[in-house]
C-alpha cells in the first residue's frame, strides 16, 4: 500500500478526532482491498507507517485532553484532581 504524505497527514488528523480506522479508510476513498489492508496494518503492524500515523493522532488527542484535566486540577477541580491522581498511578514507570 503506497500512500502519499498527504494521506498519512489525514490519517493522523482523523485519528486525532477519534475516528476509527475503517471510517478513515472510507474518508480517504480507499477501495475494498485498500481498506482491508489499512485496517489490518493499523491493528497488527506496529512498525508500519499507517499504524504510527494512526497512533500519533490518537496520542495527540490523549495528550491534549490530559493537559485540560491537569489544568482543571491545578485550578482546584476535585474530580480533575482524582483523574490526575489516576494518571500518576497508571504511568509511574513508562
PDB file of N, CA and C in Angstrom:
ATOM      1  N   UNK A   1       0.854  -1.170   0.000  1.00  0.00           N
ATOM      2  CA  UNK A   1       0.000   0.000   0.000  1.00  0.00           C
ATOM      3  C   UNK A   1       0.898   1.229   0.000  1.00  0.00           C
ATOM      4  N   UNK A   2       0.820   2.005  -1.053  1.00  0.00           N
ATOM      5  CA  UNK A   2       1.633   3.212  -1.173  1.00  0.00           C
ATOM      6  C   UNK A   2       0.759   4.437  -0.982  1.00  0.00           C
ATOM      7  N   UNK A   3       0.939   5.082   0.148  1.00  0.00           N
ATOM      8  CA  UNK A   3       0.154   6.268   0.455  1.00  0.00           C
ATOM      9  C   UNK A   3       1.012   7.512   0.288  1.00  0.00           C
ATOM     10  N   UNK A   4       0.363   8.624   0.038  1.00  0.00           N
ATOM     11  CA  UNK A   4       1.074   9.894  -0.077  1.00  0.00           C
ATOM     12  C   UNK A   4       1.274  10.487   1.317  1.00  0.00           C
ATOM     13  N   UNK A   5       2.170  11.435   1.402  1.00  0.00           N
ATOM     14  CA  UNK A   5       2.379  12.127   2.679  1.00  0.00           C
ATOM     15  C   UNK A   5       1.103  12.834   3.123  1.00  0.00           C
ATOM     16  N   UNK A   6       0.340  13.341   2.172  1.00  0.00           N
ATOM     17  CA  UNK A   6      -0.934  13.989   2.499  1.00  0.00           C
ATOM     18  C   UNK A   6      -1.898  12.983   3.115  1.00  0.00           C
ATOM     19  N   UNK A   7      -1.935  11.768   2.600  1.00  0.00           N
ATOM     20  CA  UNK A   7      -2.811  10.741   3.164  1.00  0.00           C
ATOM     21  C   UNK A   7      -2.368  10.371   4.581  1.00  0.00           C
ATOM     22  N   UNK A   8      -1.074  10.279   4.817  1.00  0.00           N
ATOM     23  CA  UNK A   8      -0.593   9.994   6.177  1.00  0.00           C
ATOM     24  C   UNK A   8      -0.965  11.135   7.124  1.00  0.00           C
ATOM     25  N   UNK A   9      -0.881  12.360   6.641  1.00  0.00           N
ATOM     26  CA  UNK A   9      -1.271  13.517   7.458  1.00  0.00           C
ATOM     27  C   UNK A   9      -2.765  13.453   7.786  1.00  0.00           C
ATOM     28  N   UNK A  10      -3.571  13.059   6.810  1.00  0.00           N
ATOM     29  CA  UNK A  10      -5.010  12.942   7.033  1.00  0.00           C
ATOM     30  C   UNK A  10      -5.315  11.811   8.025  1.00  0.00           C
ATOM     31  N   UNK A  11      -4.600  10.694   7.916  1.00  0.00           N
ATOM     32  CA  UNK A  11      -4.790   9.595   8.864  1.00  0.00           C
ATOM     33  C   UNK A  11      -4.558  10.106  10.276  1.00  0.00           C
ATOM     34  N   UNK A  12      -3.485  10.832  10.477  1.00  0.00           N
ATOM     35  CA  UNK A  12      -3.167  11.386  11.799  1.00  0.00           C
ATOM     36  C   UNK A  12      -4.261  12.350  12.258  1.00  0.00           C
ATOM     37  N   UNK A  13      -4.687  13.217  11.360  1.00  0.00           N
ATOM     38  CA  UNK A  13      -5.730  14.200  11.686  1.00  0.00           C
ATOM     39  C   UNK A  13      -7.050  13.516  12.052  1.00  0.00           C
ATOM     40  N   UNK A  14      -7.465  12.557  11.251  1.00  0.00           N
ATOM     41  CA  UNK A  14      -8.717  11.853  11.524  1.00  0.00           C
ATOM     42  C   UNK A  14      -8.619  11.017  12.799  1.00  0.00           C
ATOM     43  N   UNK A  15      -7.495  10.364  13.004  1.00  0.00           N
ATOM     44  CA  UNK A  15      -7.316   9.565  14.221  1.00  0.00           C
ATOM     45  C   UNK A  15      -7.362  10.462  15.453  1.00  0.00           C
ATOM     46  N   UNK A  16      -6.832  11.669  15.337  1.00  0.00           N
ATOM     47  CA  UNK A  16      -6.880  12.614  16.457  1.00  0.00           C
ATOM     48  C   UNK A  16      -8.322  12.988  16.793  1.00  0.00           C
ATOM     49  N   UNK A  17      -9.202  12.904  15.810  1.00  0.00           N
ATOM     50  CA  UNK A  17     -10.630  13.170  16.029  1.00  0.00           C
ATOM     51  C   UNK A  17     -11.362  11.906  16.487  1.00  0.00           C
ATOM     52  N   UNK A  18     -10.599  10.860  16.812  1.00  0.00           N
ATOM     53  CA  UNK A  18     -11.108   9.588  17.331  1.00  0.00           C
ATOM     54  C   UNK A  18     -12.013   8.856  16.337  1.00  0.00           C
ATOM     55  N   UNK A  19     -11.682   8.993  15.064  1.00  0.00           N
ATOM     56  CA  UNK A  19     -12.383   8.270  14.008  1.00  0.00           C
ATOM     57  C   UNK A  19     -11.718   6.909  13.858  1.00  0.00           C
ATOM     58  N   UNK A  20     -12.511   5.874  13.656  1.00  0.00           N
ATOM     59  CA  UNK A  20     -11.978   4.510  13.555  1.00  0.00           C
ATOM     60  C   UNK A  20     -11.177   4.328  12.261  1.00  0.00           C
ATOM     61  N   UNK A  21     -10.336   3.301  12.239  1.00  0.00           N
ATOM     62  CA  UNK A  21      -9.527   3.000  11.053  1.00  0.00           C
ATOM     63  C   UNK A  21     -10.427   2.737   9.844  1.00  0.00           C
ATOM     64  N   UNK A  22     -11.499   1.992  10.040  1.00  0.00           N
ATOM     65  CA  UNK A  22     -12.425   1.684   8.940  1.00  0.00           C
ATOM     66  C   UNK A  22     -13.057   2.969   8.394  1.00  0.00           C
ATOM     67  N   UNK A  23     -13.445   3.859   9.281  1.00  0.00           N
ATOM     68  CA  UNK A  23     -14.039   5.128   8.848  1.00  0.00           C
ATOM     69  C   UNK A  23     -13.012   6.009   8.141  1.00  0.00           C
ATOM     70  N   UNK A  24     -11.773   5.977   8.603  1.00  0.00           N
ATOM     71  CA  UNK A  24     -10.706   6.734   7.938  1.00  0.00           C
ATOM     72  C   UNK A  24     -10.523   6.223   6.517  1.00  0.00           C
ATOM     73  N   UNK A  25     -10.541   4.906   6.349  1.00  0.00           N
ATOM     74  CA  UNK A  25     -10.405   4.323   5.010  1.00  0.00           C
ATOM     75  C   UNK A  25     -11.512   4.825   4.091  1.00  0.00           C
ATOM     76  N   UNK A  26     -12.718   4.946   4.615  1.00  0.00           N
ATOM     77  CA  UNK A  26     -13.837   5.459   3.821  1.00  0.00           C
ATOM     78  C   UNK A  26     -13.615   6.923   3.466  1.00  0.00           C
ATOM     79  N   UNK A  27     -13.188   7.714   4.454  1.00  0.00           N
ATOM     80  CA  UNK A  27     -12.941   9.143   4.198  1.00  0.00           C
ATOM     81  C   UNK A  27     -11.840   9.362   3.167  1.00  0.00           C
ATOM     82  N   UNK A  28     -10.885   8.439   3.115  1.00  0.00           N
ATOM     83  CA  UNK A  28      -9.786   8.553   2.159  1.00  0.00           C
ATOM     84  C   UNK A  28     -10.089   7.874   0.820  1.00  0.00           C
ATOM     85  N   UNK A  29     -11.339   7.414   0.667  1.00  0.00           N
ATOM     86  CA  UNK A  29     -11.798   6.790  -0.581  1.00  0.00           C
ATOM     87  C   UNK A  29     -10.990   5.559  -0.970  1.00  0.00           C
ATOM     88  N   UNK A  30     -10.588   4.768   0.026  1.00  0.00           N
ATOM     89  CA  UNK A  30      -9.895   3.522  -0.273  1.00  0.00           C
ATOM     90  C   UNK A  30     -10.880   2.524  -0.870  1.00  0.00           C
ATOM     91  N   UNK A  31     -10.403   1.734  -1.827  1.00  0.00           N
ATOM     92  CA  UNK A  31     -11.251   0.654  -2.322  1.00  0.00           C
ATOM     93  C   UNK A  31     -11.277  -0.462  -1.275  1.00  0.00           C
ATOM     94  N   UNK A  32     -12.050  -1.492  -1.519  1.00  0.00           N
ATOM     95  CA  UNK A  32     -12.243  -2.549  -0.518  1.00  0.00           C
ATOM     96  C   UNK A  32     -10.924  -3.213  -0.117  1.00  0.00           C
ATOM     97  N   UNK A  33     -10.080  -3.483  -1.084  1.00  0.00           N
ATOM     98  CA  UNK A  33      -8.787  -4.120  -0.794  1.00  0.00           C
ATOM     99  C   UNK A  33      -7.883  -3.194   0.021  1.00  0.00           C
ATOM    100  N   UNK A  34      -7.823  -1.941  -0.342  1.00  0.00           N
ATOM    101  CA  UNK A  34      -7.019  -0.957   0.395  1.00  0.00           C
ATOM    102  C   UNK A  34      -7.543  -0.801   1.820  1.00  0.00           C
ATOM    103  N   UNK A  35      -8.869  -0.781   1.960  1.00  0.00           N
ATOM    104  CA  UNK A  35      -9.478  -0.647   3.283  1.00  0.00           C
ATOM    105  C   UNK A  35      -9.059  -1.805   4.186  1.00  0.00           C
ATOM    106  N   UNK A  36      -9.172  -3.020   3.681  1.00  0.00           N
ATOM    107  CA  UNK A  36      -8.793  -4.191   4.468  1.00  0.00           C
ATOM    108  C   UNK A  36      -7.316  -4.135   4.854  1.00  0.00           C
ATOM    109  N   UNK A  37      -6.469  -3.767   3.907  1.00  0.00           N
ATOM    110  CA  UNK A  37      -5.031  -3.678   4.168  1.00  0.00           C
ATOM    111  C   UNK A  37      -4.734  -2.614   5.224  1.00  0.00           C
ATOM    112  N   UNK A  38      -5.386  -1.469   5.083  1.00  0.00           N
ATOM    113  CA  UNK A  38      -5.169  -0.377   6.032  1.00  0.00           C
ATOM    114  C   UNK A  38      -5.598  -0.762   7.442  1.00  0.00           C
ATOM    115  N   UNK A  39      -6.784  -1.307   7.576  1.00  0.00           N
ATOM    116  CA  UNK A  39      -7.294  -1.698   8.893  1.00  0.00           C
ATOM    117  C   UNK A  39      -6.380  -2.764   9.509  1.00  0.00           C
ATOM    118  N   UNK A  40      -5.936  -3.717   8.707  1.00  0.00           N
ATOM    119  CA  UNK A  40      -5.019  -4.757   9.184  1.00  0.00           C
ATOM    120  C   UNK A  40      -3.706  -4.146   9.691  1.00  0.00           C
ATOM    121  N   UNK A  41      -3.163  -3.206   8.949  1.00  0.00           N
ATOM    122  CA  UNK A  41      -1.897  -2.576   9.363  1.00  0.00           C
ATOM    123  C   UNK A  41      -2.070  -1.781  10.647  1.00  0.00           C
ATOM    124  N   UNK A  42      -3.173  -1.071  10.750  1.00  0.00           N
ATOM    125  CA  UNK A  42      -3.417  -0.274  11.960  1.00  0.00           C
ATOM    126  C   UNK A  42      -3.568  -1.177  13.179  1.00  0.00           C
ATOM    127  N   UNK A  43      -4.172  -2.345  13.003  1.00  0.00           N
ATOM    128  CA  UNK A  43      -4.404  -3.252  14.123  1.00  0.00           C
ATOM    129  C   UNK A  43      -3.193  -4.108  14.476  1.00  0.00           C
ATOM    130  N   UNK A  44      -2.436  -4.533  13.479  1.00  0.00           N
ATOM    131  CA  UNK A  44      -1.447  -5.588  13.727  1.00  0.00           C
ATOM    132  C   UNK A  44      -0.009  -5.321  13.309  1.00  0.00           C
ATOM    133  N   UNK A  45       0.246  -4.232  12.625  1.00  0.00           N
ATOM    134  CA  UNK A  45       1.596  -3.989  12.114  1.00  0.00           C
ATOM    135  C   UNK A  45       2.179  -2.722  12.749  1.00  0.00           C
ATOM    136  N   UNK A  46       2.699  -2.882  13.933  1.00  0.00           N
ATOM    137  CA  UNK A  46       3.133  -1.736  14.732  1.00  0.00           C
ATOM    138  C   UNK A  46       4.344  -1.004  14.164  1.00  0.00           C
ATOM    139  N   UNK A  47       5.006  -1.587  13.200  1.00  0.00           N
ATOM    140  CA  UNK A  47       6.145  -0.911  12.581  1.00  0.00           C
ATOM    141  C   UNK A  47       5.754  -0.191  11.293  1.00  0.00           C
ATOM    142  N   UNK A  48       4.492  -0.327  10.888  1.00  0.00           N
ATOM    143  CA  UNK A  48       4.054   0.305   9.637  1.00  0.00           C
ATOM    144  C   UNK A  48       3.817   1.798   9.840  1.00  0.00           C
ATOM    145  N   UNK A  49       3.977   2.540   8.764  1.00  0.00           N
ATOM    146  CA  UNK A  49       3.740   3.983   8.823  1.00  0.00           C
ATOM    147  C   UNK A  49       2.248   4.270   9.052  1.00  0.00           C
ATOM    148  N   UNK A  50       1.384   3.380   8.556  1.00  0.00           N
ATOM    149  CA  UNK A  50      -0.052   3.547   8.778  1.00  0.00           C
ATOM    150  C   UNK A  50      -0.362   3.486  10.279  1.00  0.00           C
ATOM    151  N   UNK A  51       0.188   2.486  10.945  1.00  0.00           N
ATOM    152  CA  UNK A  51      -0.016   2.326  12.387  1.00  0.00           C
ATOM    153  C   UNK A  51       0.527   3.543  13.137  1.00  0.00           C
ATOM    154  N   UNK A  52       1.739   3.943  12.797  1.00  0.00           N
ATOM    155  CA  UNK A  52       2.367   5.067  13.508  1.00  0.00           C
ATOM    156  C   UNK A  52       1.597   6.364  13.314  1.00  0.00           C
ATOM    157  N   UNK A  53       1.099   6.598  12.113  1.00  0.00           N
ATOM    158  CA  UNK A  53       0.311   7.808  11.863  1.00  0.00           C
ATOM    159  C   UNK A  53      -0.999   7.781  12.651  1.00  0.00           C
ATOM    160  N   UNK A  54      -1.648   6.620  12.660  1.00  0.00           N
ATOM    161  CA  UNK A  54      -2.896   6.461  13.392  1.00  0.00           C
ATOM    162  C   UNK A  54      -2.661   6.664  14.891  1.00  0.00           C
ATOM    163  N   UNK A  55      -1.653   6.007  15.424  1.00  0.00           N
ATOM    164  CA  UNK A  55      -1.363   6.109  16.852  1.00  0.00           C
ATOM    165  C   UNK A  55      -0.953   7.526  17.245  1.00  0.00           C
ATOM    166  N   UNK A  56      -0.167   8.182  16.421  1.00  0.00           N
ATOM    167  CA  UNK A  56       0.250   9.553  16.718  1.00  0.00           C
ATOM    168  C   UNK A  56      -0.964  10.475  16.839  1.00  0.00           C
ATOM    169  N   UNK A  57      -1.929  10.292  15.947  1.00  0.00           N
ATOM    170  CA  UNK A  57      -3.151  11.095  16.037  1.00  0.00           C
ATOM    171  C   UNK A  57      -3.892  10.849  17.332  1.00  0.00           C
ATOM    172  N   UNK A  58      -4.054   9.570  17.689  1.00  0.00           N
ATOM    173  CA  UNK A  58      -4.746   9.233  18.941  1.00  0.00           C
ATOM    174  C   UNK A  58      -4.006   9.787  20.152  1.00  0.00           C
ATOM    175  N   UNK A  59      -2.690   9.652  20.150  1.00  0.00           N
ATOM    176  CA  UNK A  59      -1.899  10.124  21.291  1.00  0.00           C
ATOM    177  C   UNK A  59      -1.912  11.644  21.407  1.00  0.00           C
ATOM    178  N   UNK A  60      -2.005  12.321  20.282  1.00  0.00           N
ATOM    179  CA  UNK A  60      -2.105  13.787  20.305  1.00  0.00           C
ATOM    180  C   UNK A  60      -3.357  14.211  21.068  1.00  0.00           C
ATOM    181  N   UNK A  61      -4.477  13.562  20.776  1.00  0.00           N
ATOM    182  CA  UNK A  61      -5.719  13.875  21.479  1.00  0.00           C
ATOM    183  C   UNK A  61      -5.632  13.488  22.947  1.00  0.00           C
ATOM    184  N   UNK A  62      -5.053  12.341  23.222  1.00  0.00           N
ATOM    185  CA  UNK A  62      -4.886  11.911  24.610  1.00  0.00           C
ATOM    186  C   UNK A  62      -4.087  12.948  25.387  1.00  0.00           C
ATOM    187  N   UNK A  63      -3.003  13.440  24.795  1.00  0.00           N
ATOM    188  CA  UNK A  63      -2.178  14.462  25.435  1.00  0.00           C
ATOM    189  C   UNK A  63      -2.978  15.745  25.682  1.00  0.00           C
ATOM    190  N   UNK A  64      -3.699  16.193  24.659  1.00  0.00           N
ATOM    191  CA  UNK A  64      -4.470  17.432  24.786  1.00  0.00           C
ATOM    192  C   UNK A  64      -5.538  17.315  25.877  1.00  0.00           C
ATOM    193  N   UNK A  65      -6.229  16.196  25.914  1.00  0.00           N
ATOM    194  CA  UNK A  65      -7.258  16.002  26.938  1.00  0.00           C
ATOM    195  C   UNK A  65      -6.650  15.943  28.337  1.00  0.00           C
ATOM    196  N   UNK A  66      -5.522  15.276  28.461  1.00  0.00           N
ATOM    197  CA  UNK A  66      -4.867  15.200  29.767  1.00  0.00           C
ATOM    198  C   UNK A  66      -4.390  16.571  30.218  1.00  0.00           C
ATOM    199  N   UNK A  67      -3.919  17.369  29.288  1.00  0.00           N
ATOM    200  CA  UNK A  67      -3.497  18.728  29.642  1.00  0.00           C
ATOM    201  C   UNK A  67      -4.665  19.521  30.219  1.00  0.00           C
ATOM    202  N   UNK A  68      -5.839  19.380  29.615  1.00  0.00           N
ATOM    203  CA  UNK A  68      -7.033  20.083  30.109  1.00  0.00           C
ATOM    204  C   UNK A  68      -7.363  19.608  31.517  1.00  0.00           C
ATOM    205  N   UNK A  69      -7.336  18.291  31.736  1.00  0.00           N
ATOM    206  CA  UNK A  69      -7.655  17.742  33.062  1.00  0.00           C
ATOM    207  C   UNK A  69      -6.640  18.242  34.095  1.00  0.00           C
ATOM    208  N   UNK A  70      -5.370  18.254  33.746  1.00  0.00           N
ATOM    209  CA  UNK A  70      -4.330  18.726  34.673  1.00  0.00           C
ATOM    210  C   UNK A  70      -4.528  20.206  34.984  1.00  0.00           C
ATOM    211  N   UNK A  71      -4.842  20.985  33.969  1.00  0.00           N
ATOM    212  CA  UNK A  71      -5.106  22.412  34.196  1.00  0.00           C
ATOM    213  C   UNK A  71      -6.293  22.609  35.138  1.00  0.00           C
ATOM    214  N   UNK A  72      -7.349  21.821  34.939  1.00  0.00           N
ATOM    215  CA  UNK A  72      -8.511  21.914  35.829  1.00  0.00           C
ATOM    216  C   UNK A  72      -8.150  21.492  37.253  1.00  0.00           C
ATOM    217  N   UNK A  73      -7.319  20.467  37.374  1.00  0.00           N
ATOM    218  CA  UNK A  73      -6.888  20.019  38.703  1.00  0.00           C
ATOM    219  C   UNK A  73      -6.102  21.123  39.412  1.00  0.00           C
ATOM    220  N   UNK A  74      -5.256  21.806  38.675  1.00  0.00           N
ATOM    221  CA  UNK A  74      -4.465  22.902  39.254  1.00  0.00           C
ATOM    222  C   UNK A  74      -5.348  24.057  39.712  1.00  0.00           C
ATOM    223  N   UNK A  75      -6.515  24.194  39.061  1.00  0.00           N
ATOM    224  CA  UNK A  75      -7.448  25.260  39.427  1.00  0.00           C
ATOM    225  C   UNK A  75      -8.374  24.841  40.562  1.00  0.00           C
ATOM    226  N   UNK A  76      -8.210  23.597  41.035  1.00  0.00           N
ATOM    227  CA  UNK A  76      -8.958  23.168  42.204  1.00  0.00           C
ATOM    228  C   UNK A  76     -10.106  22.207  41.955  1.00  0.00           C
ATOM    229  N   UNK A  77     -10.305  21.772  40.738  1.00  0.00           N
ATOM    230  CA  UNK A  77     -11.393  20.823  40.459  1.00  0.00           C
ATOM    231  C   UNK A  77     -11.084  19.491  41.134  1.00  0.00           C
ATOM    232  N   UNK A  78     -11.943  19.108  42.072  1.00  0.00           N
ATOM    233  CA  UNK A  78     -11.716  17.858  42.802  1.00  0.00           C
ATOM    234  C   UNK A  78     -11.816  16.643  41.894  1.00  0.00           C
ATOM    235  N   UNK A  79     -12.772  16.645  40.976  1.00  0.00           N
ATOM    236  CA  UNK A  79     -12.885  15.494  40.078  1.00  0.00           C
ATOM    237  C   UNK A  79     -11.665  15.402  39.159  1.00  0.00           C
ATOM    238  N   UNK A  80     -11.173  16.533  38.683  1.00  0.00           N
ATOM    239  CA  UNK A  80      -9.970  16.528  37.846  1.00  0.00           C
ATOM    240  C   UNK A  80      -8.750  16.096  38.658  1.00  0.00           C
ATOM    241  N   UNK A  81      -8.706  16.482  39.930  1.00  0.00           N
ATOM    242  CA  UNK A  81      -7.592  16.044  40.777  1.00  0.00           C
ATOM    243  C   UNK A  81      -7.599  14.526  40.935  1.00  0.00           C
ATOM    244  N   UNK A  82      -8.783  13.942  41.061  1.00  0.00           N
ATOM    245  CA  UNK A  82      -8.892  12.491  41.161  1.00  0.00           C
ATOM    246  C   UNK A  82      -8.422  11.801  39.892  1.00  0.00           C
ATOM    247  N   UNK A  83      -8.787  12.357  38.755  1.00  0.00           N
ATOM    248  CA  UNK A  83      -8.357  11.784  37.480  1.00  0.00           C
ATOM    249  C   UNK A  83      -6.847  11.929  37.321  1.00  0.00           C
ATOM    250  N   UNK A  84      -6.314  13.069  37.733  1.00  0.00           N
ATOM    251  CA  UNK A  84      -4.869  13.295  37.643  1.00  0.00           C
ATOM    252  C   UNK A  84      -4.112  12.302  38.514  1.00  0.00           C
ATOM    253  N   UNK A  85      -4.626  12.036  39.687  1.00  0.00           N
ATOM    254  CA  UNK A  85      -4.010  11.035  40.565  1.00  0.00           C
ATOM    255  C   UNK A  85      -3.999   9.670  39.883  1.00  0.00           C
ATOM    256  N   UNK A  86      -5.073   9.351  39.196  1.00  0.00           N
ATOM    257  CA  UNK A  86      -5.156   8.094  38.454  1.00  0.00           C
ATOM    258  C   UNK A  86      -4.081   8.048  37.364  1.00  0.00           C
ATOM    259  N   UNK A  87      -3.870   9.163  36.667  1.00  0.00           N
ATOM    260  CA  UNK A  87      -2.815   9.227  35.650  1.00  0.00           C
ATOM    261  C   UNK A  87      -1.454   8.910  36.263  1.00  0.00           C
ATOM    262  N   UNK A  88      -1.180   9.476  37.439  1.00  0.00           N
ATOM    263  CA  UNK A  88       0.094   9.226  38.123  1.00  0.00           C
ATOM    264  C   UNK A  88       0.283   7.725  38.404  1.00  0.00           C
ATOM    265  N   UNK A  89      -0.760   7.107  38.924  1.00  0.00           N
ATOM    266  CA  UNK A  89      -0.667   5.695  39.274  1.00  0.00           C
ATOM    267  C   UNK A  89      -0.500   4.819  38.045  1.00  0.00           C
ATOM    268  N   UNK A  90      -1.180   5.151  36.965  1.00  0.00           N
ATOM    269  CA  UNK A  90      -1.114   4.363  35.729  1.00  0.00           C
ATOM    270  C   UNK A  90       0.237   4.475  35.037  1.00  0.00           C
ATOM    271  N   UNK A  91       0.887   5.601  35.163  1.00  0.00           N
ATOM    272  CA  UNK A  91       2.043   5.883  34.329  1.00  0.00           C
ATOM    273  C   UNK A  91       3.327   6.161  35.102  1.00  0.00           C
ATOM    274  N   UNK A  92       3.491   5.521  36.236  1.00  0.00           N
ATOM    275  CA  UNK A  92       4.681   5.763  37.032  1.00  0.00           C
ATOM    276  C   UNK A  92       5.972   5.373  36.341  1.00  0.00           C
ATOM    277  N   UNK A  93       5.946   4.310  35.550  1.00  0.00           N
ATOM    278  CA  UNK A  93       7.201   3.770  35.030  1.00  0.00           C
ATOM    279  C   UNK A  93       7.249   3.674  33.513  1.00  0.00           C
ATOM    280  N   UNK A  94       6.381   4.322  32.834  1.00  0.00           N
ATOM    281  CA  UNK A  94       6.552   4.168  31.410  1.00  0.00           C
ATOM    282  C   UNK A  94       5.528   4.763  30.598  1.00  0.00           C
TER     283      UNK A  94
END
